[in-house]
Amino acid sequence: MVRKLFDCPTALVSLVEEDEQWFKARDGFNISRTPRDYSLCAHTIMSDESLVICDTLSDPKFSNYPVAINDPNIRFYVGSPINSFIRLQDWKFMWYRLRRSRTTFR
């Protein structure tokens, strides 16, 4: 449903731990966990604001991230922290091509 609403190929809810991130709910993504070093989500949970990366390859902070330059080749990323007792989770949408955002994610 979320993928259809935002016209995106992947929607995830993740739990970020010290060394790994676990995808607790996933649609359009067959990996269940990755190292935290690969995690764009680890940046998302550090703020109260949504993280929107319009082009991972042209963003100096994320252009060398393994998930941007290797499989799954994430190009456009939107993540937002889930506010709970402690901030370890976020939801995210990912696209594997550039797109112009017609939706406000913030």
PDB file of N, CA and C in Angstrom:
ATOM      1  N   MET A   1       0.813  -1.188   0.000  1.00  0.00           N
ATOM      2  CA  MET A   1       0.000   0.000   0.000  1.00  0.00           C
ATOM      3  C   MET A   1       0.866   1.267   0.000  1.00  0.00           C
ATOM      4  N   VAL A   2       1.882   1.294   0.866  1.00  0.00           N
ATOM      5  CA  VAL A   2       2.755   2.468   0.942  1.00  0.00           C
ATOM      6  C   VAL A   2       3.539   2.645  -0.361  1.00  0.00           C
ATOM      7  N   ARG A   3       4.018   1.547  -0.909  1.00  0.00           N
ATOM      8  CA  ARG A   3       4.759   1.628  -2.175  1.00  0.00           C
ATOM      9  C   ARG A   3       3.890   2.236  -3.254  1.00  0.00           C
ATOM     10  N   LYS A   4       2.643   1.853  -3.301  1.00  0.00           N
ATOM     11  CA  LYS A   4       1.724   2.379  -4.316  1.00  0.00           C
ATOM     12  C   LYS A   4       1.448   3.868  -4.069  1.00  0.00           C
ATOM     13  N   LEU A   5       1.228   4.225  -2.815  1.00  0.00           N
ATOM     14  CA  LEU A   5       0.938   5.611  -2.451  1.00  0.00           C
ATOM     15  C   LEU A   5       2.059   6.554  -2.881  1.00  0.00           C
ATOM     16  N   PHE A   6       3.308   6.156  -2.660  1.00  0.00           N
ATOM     17  CA  PHE A   6       4.453   7.003  -2.983  1.00  0.00           C
ATOM     18  C   PHE A   6       5.140   6.625  -4.287  1.00  0.00           C
ATOM     19  N   ASP A   7       4.583   5.656  -5.007  1.00  0.00           N
ATOM     20  CA  ASP A   7       5.139   5.222  -6.286  1.00  0.00           C
ATOM     21  C   ASP A   7       6.630   4.905  -6.152  1.00  0.00           C
ATOM     22  N   CYS A   8       6.932   4.037  -5.177  1.00  0.00           N
ATOM     23  CA  CYS A   8       8.325   3.670  -4.940  1.00  0.00           C
ATOM     24  C   CYS A   8       8.466   2.153  -4.951  1.00  0.00           C
ATOM     25  N   PRO A   9       9.627   1.659  -5.329  1.00  0.00           N
ATOM     26  CA  PRO A   9       9.822   0.218  -5.387  1.00  0.00           C
ATOM     27  C   PRO A   9      10.093  -0.443  -4.040  1.00  0.00           C
ATOM     28  N   THR A  10      10.471   0.337  -3.014  1.00  0.00           N
ATOM     29  CA  THR A  10      10.842  -0.254  -1.733  1.00  0.00           C
ATOM     30  C   THR A  10      10.330   0.598  -0.576  1.00  0.00           C
ATOM     31  N   ALA A  11       9.735  -0.065   0.405  1.00  0.00           N
ATOM     32  CA  ALA A  11       9.327   0.583   1.650  1.00  0.00           C
ATOM     33  C   ALA A  11       9.771  -0.321   2.795  1.00  0.00           C
ATOM     34  N   LEU A  12      10.383   0.276   3.817  1.00  0.00           N
ATOM     35  CA  LEU A  12      10.958  -0.502   4.922  1.00  0.00           C
ATOM     36  C   LEU A  12      10.692   0.168   6.263  1.00  0.00           C
ATOM     37  N   VAL A  13      10.662  -0.645   7.306  1.00  0.00           N
ATOM     38  CA  VAL A  13      10.761  -0.164   8.682  1.00  0.00           C
ATOM     39  C   VAL A  13      11.959  -0.893   9.263  1.00  0.00           C
ATOM     40  N   SER A  14      12.896  -0.124   9.810  1.00  0.00           N
ATOM     41  CA  SER A  14      14.121  -0.749  10.293  1.00  0.00           C
ATOM     42  C   SER A  14      14.347  -0.477  11.775  1.00  0.00           C
ATOM     43  N   LEU A  15      15.116  -1.359  12.356  1.00  0.00           N
ATOM     44  CA  LEU A  15      15.597  -1.225  13.724  1.00  0.00           C
ATOM     45  C   LEU A  15      17.116  -1.138  13.623  1.00  0.00           C
ATOM     46  N   VAL A  16      17.689  -0.044  14.108  1.00  0.00           N
ATOM     47  CA  VAL A  16      19.128   0.179  14.008  1.00  0.00           C
ATOM     48  C   VAL A  16      19.771  -0.128  15.352  1.00  0.00           C
ATOM     49  N   GLU A  17      20.690  -1.074  15.327  1.00  0.00           N
ATOM     50  CA  GLU A  17      21.424  -1.445  16.523  1.00  0.00           C
ATOM     51  C   GLU A  17      22.860  -0.959  16.398  1.00  0.00           C
ATOM     52  N   GLU A  18      23.680  -1.310  17.372  1.00  0.00           N
ATOM     53  CA  GLU A  18      25.064  -0.821  17.396  1.00  0.00           C
ATOM     54  C   GLU A  18      25.849  -1.216  16.149  1.00  0.00           C
ATOM     55  N   ASP A  19      25.707  -2.455  15.698  1.00  0.00           N
ATOM     56  CA  ASP A  19      26.499  -2.943  14.573  1.00  0.00           C
ATOM     57  C   ASP A  19      25.686  -3.273  13.326  1.00  0.00           C
ATOM     58  N   GLU A  20      24.372  -3.379  13.453  1.00  0.00           N
ATOM     59  CA  GLU A  20      23.543  -3.802  12.331  1.00  0.00           C
ATOM     60  C   GLU A  20      22.244  -3.012  12.284  1.00  0.00           C
ATOM     61  N   GLN A  21      21.612  -3.081  11.122  1.00  0.00           N
ATOM     62  CA  GLN A  21      20.232  -2.632  11.019  1.00  0.00           C
ATOM     63  C   GLN A  21      19.406  -3.815  10.532  1.00  0.00           C
ATOM     64  N   TRP A  22      18.245  -3.979  11.131  1.00  0.00           N
ATOM     65  CA  TRP A  22      17.335  -5.072  10.823  1.00  0.00           C
ATOM     66  C   TRP A  22      16.093  -4.473  10.169  1.00  0.00           C
ATOM     67  N   PHE A  23      15.640  -5.060   9.104  1.00  0.00           N
ATOM     68  CA  PHE A  23      14.430  -4.605   8.432  1.00  0.00           C
ATOM     69  C   PHE A  23      13.260  -5.413   8.977  1.00  0.00           C
ATOM     70  N   LYS A  24      12.511  -4.800   9.869  1.00  0.00           N
ATOM     71  CA  LYS A  24      11.431  -5.479  10.574  1.00  0.00           C
ATOM     72  C   LYS A  24      10.180  -5.602   9.716  1.00  0.00           C
ATOM     73  N   ALA A  25       9.972  -4.700   8.812  1.00  0.00           N
ATOM     74  CA  ALA A  25       8.900  -4.789   7.818  1.00  0.00           C
ATOM     75  C   ALA A  25       9.519  -4.336   6.504  1.00  0.00           C
ATOM     76  N   ARG A  26       9.257  -5.090   5.454  1.00  0.00           N
ATOM     77  CA  ARG A  26       9.857  -4.721   4.173  1.00  0.00           C
ATOM     78  C   ARG A  26       8.934  -5.135   3.040  1.00  0.00           C
ATOM     79  N   ASP A  27       8.905  -4.286   2.047  1.00  0.00           N
ATOM     80  CA  ASP A  27       8.119  -4.547   0.850  1.00  0.00           C
ATOM     81  C   ASP A  27       8.962  -4.113  -0.337  1.00  0.00           C
ATOM     82  N   GLY A  28       9.283  -5.052  -1.199  1.00  0.00           N
ATOM     83  CA  GLY A  28      10.116  -4.748  -2.353  1.00  0.00           C
ATOM     84  C   GLY A  28      11.606  -4.826  -2.062  1.00  0.00           C
ATOM     85  N   PHE A  29      11.983  -5.533  -1.018  1.00  0.00           N
ATOM     86  CA  PHE A  29      13.378  -5.624  -0.605  1.00  0.00           C
ATOM     87  C   PHE A  29      13.585  -6.998   0.017  1.00  0.00           C
ATOM     88  N   ASN A  30      14.522  -7.779  -0.491  1.00  0.00           N
ATOM     89  CA  ASN A  30      14.650  -9.151  -0.009  1.00  0.00           C
ATOM     90  C   ASN A  30      15.753  -9.353   1.028  1.00  0.00           C
ATOM     91  N   ILE A  31      16.406  -8.299   1.445  1.00  0.00           N
ATOM     92  CA  ILE A  31      17.466  -8.393   2.456  1.00  0.00           C
ATOM     93  C   ILE A  31      16.845  -8.125   3.823  1.00  0.00           C
ATOM     94  N   SER A  32      17.210  -8.931   4.829  1.00  0.00           N
ATOM     95  CA  SER A  32      16.614  -8.757   6.156  1.00  0.00           C
ATOM     96  C   SER A  32      17.466  -7.924   7.114  1.00  0.00           C
ATOM     97  N   ARG A  33      18.757  -7.762   6.805  1.00  0.00           N
ATOM     98  CA  ARG A  33      19.626  -6.944   7.660  1.00  0.00           C
ATOM     99  C   ARG A  33      20.884  -6.560   6.887  1.00  0.00           C
ATOM    100  N   THR A  34      21.527  -5.495   7.347  1.00  0.00           N
ATOM    101  CA  THR A  34      22.801  -5.050   6.773  1.00  0.00           C
ATOM    102  C   THR A  34      23.675  -4.522   7.901  1.00  0.00           C
ATOM    103  N   PRO A  35      24.978  -4.399   7.668  1.00  0.00           N
ATOM    104  CA  PRO A  35      25.839  -3.746   8.664  1.00  0.00           C
ATOM    105  C   PRO A  35      25.428  -2.284   8.849  1.00  0.00           C
ATOM    106  N   ARG A  36      25.587  -1.775  10.039  1.00  0.00           N
ATOM    107  CA  ARG A  36      25.227  -0.377  10.289  1.00  0.00           C
ATOM    108  C   ARG A  36      26.055   0.564   9.412  1.00  0.00           C
ATOM    109  N   ASP A  37      27.279   0.175   9.067  1.00  0.00           N
ATOM    110  CA  ASP A  37      28.123   1.001   8.198  1.00  0.00           C
ATOM    111  C   ASP A  37      27.468   1.268   6.850  1.00  0.00           C
ATOM    112  N   TYR A  38      26.557   0.408   6.426  1.00  0.00           N
ATOM    113  CA  TYR A  38      25.849   0.572   5.157  1.00  0.00           C
ATOM    114  C   TYR A  38      24.594   1.412   5.314  1.00  0.00           C
ATOM    115  N   SER A  39      24.266   1.775   6.521  1.00  0.00           N
ATOM    116  CA  SER A  39      22.944   2.274   6.865  1.00  0.00           C
ATOM    117  C   SER A  39      22.764   3.771   6.664  1.00  0.00           C
ATOM    118  N   LEU A  40      21.884   4.139   5.768  1.00  0.00           N
ATOM    119  CA  LEU A  40      21.422   5.521   5.685  1.00  0.00           C
ATOM    120  C   LEU A  40      20.512   5.803   6.876  1.00  0.00           C
ATOM    121  N   CYS A  41      19.860   4.767   7.358  1.00  0.00           N
ATOM    122  CA  CYS A  41      18.940   4.880   8.491  1.00  0.00           C
ATOM    123  C   CYS A  41      19.638   5.351   9.765  1.00  0.00           C
ATOM    124  N   ALA A  42      20.900   4.969   9.919  1.00  0.00           N
ATOM    125  CA  ALA A  42      21.644   5.379  11.108  1.00  0.00           C
ATOM    126  C   ALA A  42      21.731   6.906  11.180  1.00  0.00           C
ATOM    127  N   HIS A  43      21.721   7.577  10.045  1.00  0.00           N
ATOM    128  CA  HIS A  43      21.706   9.046  10.019  1.00  0.00           C
ATOM    129  C   HIS A  43      20.303   9.570  10.299  1.00  0.00           C
ATOM    130  N   THR A  44      19.311   8.870   9.803  1.00  0.00           N
ATOM    131  CA  THR A  44      17.924   9.298   9.986  1.00  0.00           C
ATOM    132  C   THR A  44      17.555   9.352  11.459  1.00  0.00           C
ATOM    133  N   ILE A  45      17.931   8.355  12.228  1.00  0.00           N
ATOM    134  CA  ILE A  45      17.509   8.292  13.630  1.00  0.00           C
ATOM    135  C   ILE A  45      18.242   9.291  14.523  1.00  0.00           C
ATOM    136  N   MET A  46      19.234   9.968  13.996  1.00  0.00           N
ATOM    137  CA  MET A  46      19.985  10.942  14.787  1.00  0.00           C
ATOM    138  C   MET A  46      19.325  12.322  14.809  1.00  0.00           C
ATOM    139  N   SER A  47      18.198  12.467  14.135  1.00  0.00           N
ATOM    140  CA  SER A  47      17.531  13.756  14.039  1.00  0.00           C
ATOM    141  C   SER A  47      16.029  13.588  14.263  1.00  0.00           C
ATOM    142  N   ASP A  48      15.376  14.683  14.574  1.00  0.00           N
ATOM    143  CA  ASP A  48      13.912  14.686  14.663  1.00  0.00           C
ATOM    144  C   ASP A  48      13.270  14.885  13.295  1.00  0.00           C
ATOM    145  N   GLU A  49      14.063  15.285  12.325  1.00  0.00           N
ATOM    146  CA  GLU A  49      13.564  15.594  10.984  1.00  0.00           C
ATOM    147  C   GLU A  49      13.724  14.416  10.038  1.00  0.00           C
ATOM    148  N   SER A  50      12.915  14.409   9.002  1.00  0.00           N
ATOM    149  CA  SER A  50      13.080  13.422   7.938  1.00  0.00           C
ATOM    150  C   SER A  50      14.378  13.691   7.197  1.00  0.00           C
ATOM    151  N   LEU A  51      14.955  12.634   6.685  1.00  0.00           N
ATOM    152  CA  LEU A  51      16.160  12.745   5.867  1.00  0.00           C
ATOM    153  C   LEU A  51      15.755  12.467   4.427  1.00  0.00           C
ATOM    154  N   VAL A  52      15.977  13.438   3.552  1.00  0.00           N
ATOM    155  CA  VAL A  52      15.684  13.284   2.132  1.00  0.00           C
ATOM    156  C   VAL A  52      16.992  13.459   1.375  1.00  0.00           C
ATOM    157  N   ILE A  53      17.379  12.436   0.633  1.00  0.00           N
ATOM    158  CA  ILE A  53      18.578  12.497  -0.207  1.00  0.00           C
ATOM    159  C   ILE A  53      18.096  12.347  -1.647  1.00  0.00           C
ATOM    160  N   CYS A  54      18.104  13.440  -2.383  1.00  0.00           N
ATOM    161  CA  CYS A  54      17.557  13.432  -3.746  1.00  0.00           C
ATOM    162  C   CYS A  54      18.433  12.657  -4.724  1.00  0.00           C
ATOM    163  N   ASP A  55      19.738  12.667  -4.515  1.00  0.00           N
ATOM    164  CA  ASP A  55      20.640  11.902  -5.370  1.00  0.00           C
ATOM    165  C   ASP A  55      21.831  11.467  -4.522  1.00  0.00           C
ATOM    166  N   THR A  56      21.836  10.220  -4.132  1.00  0.00           N
ATOM    167  CA  THR A  56      22.904   9.731  -3.261  1.00  0.00           C
ATOM    168  C   THR A  56      24.275   9.870  -3.907  1.00  0.00           C
ATOM    169  N   LEU A  57      24.351   9.736  -5.226  1.00  0.00           N
ATOM    170  CA  LEU A  57      25.651   9.785  -5.897  1.00  0.00           C
ATOM    171  C   LEU A  57      26.220  11.195  -6.006  1.00  0.00           C
ATOM    172  N   SER A  58      25.374  12.208  -5.915  1.00  0.00           N
ATOM    173  CA  SER A  58      25.899  13.575  -5.972  1.00  0.00           C
ATOM    174  C   SER A  58      25.944  14.237  -4.591  1.00  0.00           C
ATOM    175  N   ASP A  59      25.524  13.539  -3.566  1.00  0.00           N
ATOM    176  CA  ASP A  59      25.585  14.063  -2.207  1.00  0.00           C
ATOM    177  C   ASP A  59      26.948  13.716  -1.612  1.00  0.00           C
ATOM    178  N   PRO A  60      27.746  14.710  -1.248  1.00  0.00           N
ATOM    179  CA  PRO A  60      29.102  14.437  -0.752  1.00  0.00           C
ATOM    180  C   PRO A  60      29.142  13.502   0.461  1.00  0.00           C
ATOM    181  N   LYS A  61      28.143  13.557   1.295  1.00  0.00           N
ATOM    182  CA  LYS A  61      28.123  12.727   2.500  1.00  0.00           C
ATOM    183  C   LYS A  61      27.824  11.256   2.187  1.00  0.00           C
ATOM    184  N   PHE A  62      27.068  11.004   1.134  1.00  0.00           N
ATOM    185  CA  PHE A  62      26.589   9.646   0.869  1.00  0.00           C
ATOM    186  C   PHE A  62      27.060   9.052  -0.455  1.00  0.00           C
ATOM    187  N   SER A  63      27.818   9.783  -1.241  1.00  0.00           N
ATOM    188  CA  SER A  63      28.183   9.315  -2.585  1.00  0.00           C
ATOM    189  C   SER A  63      29.062   8.064  -2.583  1.00  0.00           C
ATOM    190  N   ASN A  64      29.763   7.805  -1.492  1.00  0.00           N
ATOM    191  CA  ASN A  64      30.603   6.604  -1.414  1.00  0.00           C
ATOM    192  C   ASN A  64      29.995   5.502  -0.559  1.00  0.00           C
ATOM    193  N   TYR A  65      28.757   5.656  -0.151  1.00  0.00           N
ATOM    194  CA  TYR A  65      28.104   4.630   0.659  1.00  0.00           C
ATOM    195  C   TYR A  65      27.919   3.368  -0.158  1.00  0.00           C
ATOM    196  N   PRO A  66      28.184   2.214   0.443  1.00  0.00           N
ATOM    197  CA  PRO A  66      28.040   0.951  -0.291  1.00  0.00           C
ATOM    198  C   PRO A  66      26.674   0.760  -0.933  1.00  0.00           C
ATOM    199  N   VAL A  67      25.587   1.195  -0.277  1.00  0.00           N
ATOM    200  CA  VAL A  67      24.247   0.995  -0.850  1.00  0.00           C
ATOM    201  C   VAL A  67      23.954   1.941  -1.997  1.00  0.00           C
ATOM    202  N   ALA A  68      24.793   2.960  -2.166  1.00  0.00           N
ATOM    203  CA  ALA A  68      24.632   3.877  -3.294  1.00  0.00           C
ATOM    204  C   ALA A  68      25.454   3.422  -4.498  1.00  0.00           C
ATOM    205  N   ILE A  69      26.658   2.927  -4.256  1.00  0.00           N
ATOM    206  CA  ILE A  69      27.540   2.569  -5.376  1.00  0.00           C
ATOM    207  C   ILE A  69      27.505   1.081  -5.721  1.00  0.00           C
ATOM    208  N   ASN A  70      26.927   0.269  -4.840  1.00  0.00           N
ATOM    209  CA  ASN A  70      26.782  -1.177  -5.068  1.00  0.00           C
ATOM    210  C   ASN A  70      25.303  -1.541  -4.939  1.00  0.00           C
ATOM    211  N   ASP A  71      25.021  -2.801  -5.195  1.00  0.00           N
ATOM    212  CA  ASP A  71      23.662  -3.292  -5.032  1.00  0.00           C
ATOM    213  C   ASP A  71      23.183  -2.991  -3.619  1.00  0.00           C
ATOM    214  N   PRO A  72      22.053  -2.359  -3.420  1.00  0.00           N
ATOM    215  CA  PRO A  72      20.924  -2.178  -4.319  1.00  0.00           C
ATOM    216  C   PRO A  72      20.921  -0.869  -5.113  1.00  0.00           C
ATOM    217  N   ASN A  73      22.015  -0.093  -5.094  1.00  0.00           N
ATOM    218  CA  ASN A  73      22.136   1.139  -5.889  1.00  0.00           C
ATOM    219  C   ASN A  73      21.025   2.150  -5.597  1.00  0.00           C
ATOM    220  N   ILE A  74      20.882   2.513  -4.345  1.00  0.00           N
ATOM    221  CA  ILE A  74      19.859   3.484  -3.944  1.00  0.00           C
ATOM    222  C   ILE A  74      20.247   4.860  -4.470  1.00  0.00           C
ATOM    223  N   ARG A  75      19.331   5.516  -5.140  1.00  0.00           N
ATOM    224  CA  ARG A  75      19.586   6.854  -5.674  1.00  0.00           C
ATOM    225  C   ARG A  75      18.799   7.932  -4.945  1.00  0.00           C
ATOM    226  N   PHE A  76      17.549   7.676  -4.628  1.00  0.00           N
ATOM    227  CA  PHE A  76      16.687   8.646  -3.957  1.00  0.00           C
ATOM    228  C   PHE A  76      16.197   7.992  -2.675  1.00  0.00           C
ATOM    229  N   TYR A  77      16.369   8.672  -1.546  1.00  0.00           N
ATOM    230  CA  TYR A  77      16.072   8.080  -0.238  1.00  0.00           C
ATOM    231  C   TYR A  77      15.262   9.059   0.603  1.00  0.00           C
ATOM    232  N   VAL A  78      14.252   8.550   1.254  1.00  0.00           N
ATOM    233  CA  VAL A  78      13.484   9.318   2.233  1.00  0.00           C
ATOM    234  C   VAL A  78      13.353   8.455   3.473  1.00  0.00           C
ATOM    235  N   GLY A  79      13.763   8.987   4.609  1.00  0.00           N
ATOM    236  CA  GLY A  79      13.625   8.265   5.875  1.00  0.00           C
ATOM    237  C   GLY A  79      13.149   9.213   6.951  1.00  0.00           C
ATOM    238  N   SER A  80      12.406   8.691   7.896  1.00  0.00           N
ATOM    239  CA  SER A  80      11.912   9.506   8.993  1.00  0.00           C
ATOM    240  C   SER A  80      11.985   8.692  10.274  1.00  0.00           C
ATOM    241  N   PRO A  81      12.464   9.306  11.360  1.00  0.00           N
ATOM    242  CA  PRO A  81      12.551   8.556  12.621  1.00  0.00           C
ATOM    243  C   PRO A  81      11.161   8.238  13.163  1.00  0.00           C
ATOM    244  N   ILE A  82      11.065   7.109  13.814  1.00  0.00           N
ATOM    245  CA  ILE A  82       9.857   6.746  14.543  1.00  0.00           C
ATOM    246  C   ILE A  82      10.101   7.151  15.984  1.00  0.00           C
ATOM    247  N   ASN A  83       9.351   8.110  16.464  1.00  0.00           N
ATOM    248  CA  ASN A  83       9.555   8.603  17.824  1.00  0.00           C
ATOM    249  C   ASN A  83       8.931   7.646  18.826  1.00  0.00           C
ATOM    250  N   SER A  84       9.793   7.099  19.654  1.00  0.00           N
ATOM    251  CA  SER A  84       9.360   6.203  20.718  1.00  0.00           C
ATOM    252  C   SER A  84      10.238   6.484  21.932  1.00  0.00           C
ATOM    253  N   PHE A  85      10.218   5.614  22.900  1.00  0.00           N
ATOM    254  CA  PHE A  85      10.996   5.824  24.116  1.00  0.00           C
ATOM    255  C   PHE A  85      12.473   6.068  23.791  1.00  0.00           C
ATOM    256  N   ILE A  86      13.044   5.241  22.955  1.00  0.00           N
ATOM    257  CA  ILE A  86      14.391   5.472  22.455  1.00  0.00           C
ATOM    258  C   ILE A  86      14.330   5.392  20.940  1.00  0.00           C
ATOM    259  N   ARG A  87      15.140   6.176  20.278  1.00  0.00           N
ATOM    260  CA  ARG A  87      15.069   6.246  18.829  1.00  0.00           C
ATOM    261  C   ARG A  87      16.016   5.233  18.204  1.00  0.00           C
ATOM    262  N   LEU A  88      15.456   4.109  17.810  1.00  0.00           N
ATOM    263  CA  LEU A  88      16.219   3.064  17.159  1.00  0.00           C
ATOM    264  C   LEU A  88      15.589   2.666  15.831  1.00  0.00           C
ATOM    265  N   GLN A  89      14.413   3.213  15.541  1.00  0.00           N
ATOM    266  CA  GLN A  89      13.688   2.779  14.355  1.00  0.00           C
ATOM    267  C   GLN A  89      13.412   3.950  13.428  1.00  0.00           C
ATOM    268  N   ASP A  90      13.225   3.600  12.157  1.00  0.00           N
ATOM    269  CA  ASP A  90      12.749   4.581  11.199  1.00  0.00           C
ATOM    270  C   ASP A  90      11.980   3.866  10.106  1.00  0.00           C
ATOM    271  N   TRP A  91      11.194   4.648   9.358  1.00  0.00           N
ATOM    272  CA  TRP A  91      10.581   4.127   8.149  1.00  0.00           C
ATOM    273  C   TRP A  91      11.267   4.795   6.985  1.00  0.00           C
ATOM    274  N   LYS A  92      11.258   4.150   5.860  1.00  0.00           N
ATOM    275  CA  LYS A  92      11.971   4.723   4.721  1.00  0.00           C
ATOM    276  C   LYS A  92      11.364   4.248   3.425  1.00  0.00           C
ATOM    277  N   PHE A  93      11.592   5.059   2.400  1.00  0.00           N
ATOM    278  CA  PHE A  93      11.256   4.715   1.028  1.00  0.00           C
ATOM    279  C   PHE A  93      12.523   4.887   0.219  1.00  0.00           C
ATOM    280  N   MET A  94      12.725   4.016  -0.758  1.00  0.00           N
ATOM    281  CA  MET A  94      13.943   4.099  -1.569  1.00  0.00           C
ATOM    282  C   MET A  94      13.594   3.886  -3.036  1.00  0.00           C
ATOM    283  N   TRP A  95      14.266   4.646  -3.864  1.00  0.00           N
ATOM    284  CA  TRP A  95      14.140   4.500  -5.305  1.00  0.00           C
ATOM    285  C   TRP A  95      15.515   4.184  -5.875  1.00  0.00           C
ATOM    286  N   TYR A  96      15.540   3.482  -6.971  1.00  0.00           N
ATOM    287  CA  TYR A  96      16.800   3.067  -7.582  1.00  0.00           C
ATOM    288  C   TYR A  96      17.101   3.881  -8.834  1.00  0.00           C
ATOM    289  N   ARG A  97      16.377   4.968  -8.980  1.00  0.00           N
ATOM    290  CA  ARG A  97      16.600   5.912 -10.079  1.00  0.00           C
ATOM    291  C   ARG A  97      16.314   7.306  -9.530  1.00  0.00           C
ATOM    292  N   LEU A  98      16.789   8.296 -10.233  1.00  0.00           N
ATOM    293  CA  LEU A  98      16.489   9.668  -9.821  1.00  0.00           C
ATOM    294  C   LEU A  98      15.012   9.943 -10.052  1.00  0.00           C
ATOM    295  N   ARG A  99      14.473  10.840  -9.272  1.00  0.00           N
ATOM    296  CA  ARG A  99      13.084  11.237  -9.467  1.00  0.00           C
ATOM    297  C   ARG A  99      12.906  12.660  -8.972  1.00  0.00           C
ATOM    298  N   ARG A 100      11.928  13.284  -9.501  1.00  0.00           N
ATOM    299  CA  ARG A 100      11.556  14.613  -9.018  1.00  0.00           C
ATOM    300  C   ARG A 100      10.452  14.429  -8.007  1.00  0.00           C
ATOM    301  N   SER A 101      10.662  14.966  -6.861  1.00  0.00           N
ATOM    302  CA  SER A 101       9.703  14.778  -5.782  1.00  0.00           C
ATOM    303  C   SER A 101       8.515  15.712  -5.970  1.00  0.00           C
ATOM    304  N   ARG A 102       7.333  15.128  -6.111  1.00  0.00           N
ATOM    305  CA  ARG A 102       6.091  15.909  -6.144  1.00  0.00           C
ATOM    306  C   ARG A 102       5.427  15.849  -4.786  1.00  0.00           C
ATOM    307  N   THR A 103       5.996  15.102  -3.894  1.00  0.00           N
ATOM    308  CA  THR A 103       5.430  14.889  -2.566  1.00  0.00           C
ATOM    309  C   THR A 103       6.336  15.551  -1.541  1.00  0.00           C
ATOM    310  N   THR A 104       5.745  16.183  -0.565  1.00  0.00           N
ATOM    311  CA  THR A 104       6.518  16.747   0.532  1.00  0.00           C
ATOM    312  C   THR A 104       6.689  15.675   1.594  1.00  0.00           C
ATOM    313  N   PHE A 105       7.932  15.370   1.922  1.00  0.00           N
ATOM    314  CA  PHE A 105       8.221  14.310   2.878  1.00  0.00           C
ATOM    315  C   PHE A 105       8.532  14.858   4.255  1.00  0.00           C
ATOM    316  N   ARG A 106       8.739  16.122   4.386  1.00  0.00           N
ATOM    317  CA  ARG A 106       9.147  16.689   5.673  1.00  0.00           C
ATOM    318  C   ARG A 106       7.963  17.010   6.543  1.00  0.00           C
TER     319      ARG A 106
END
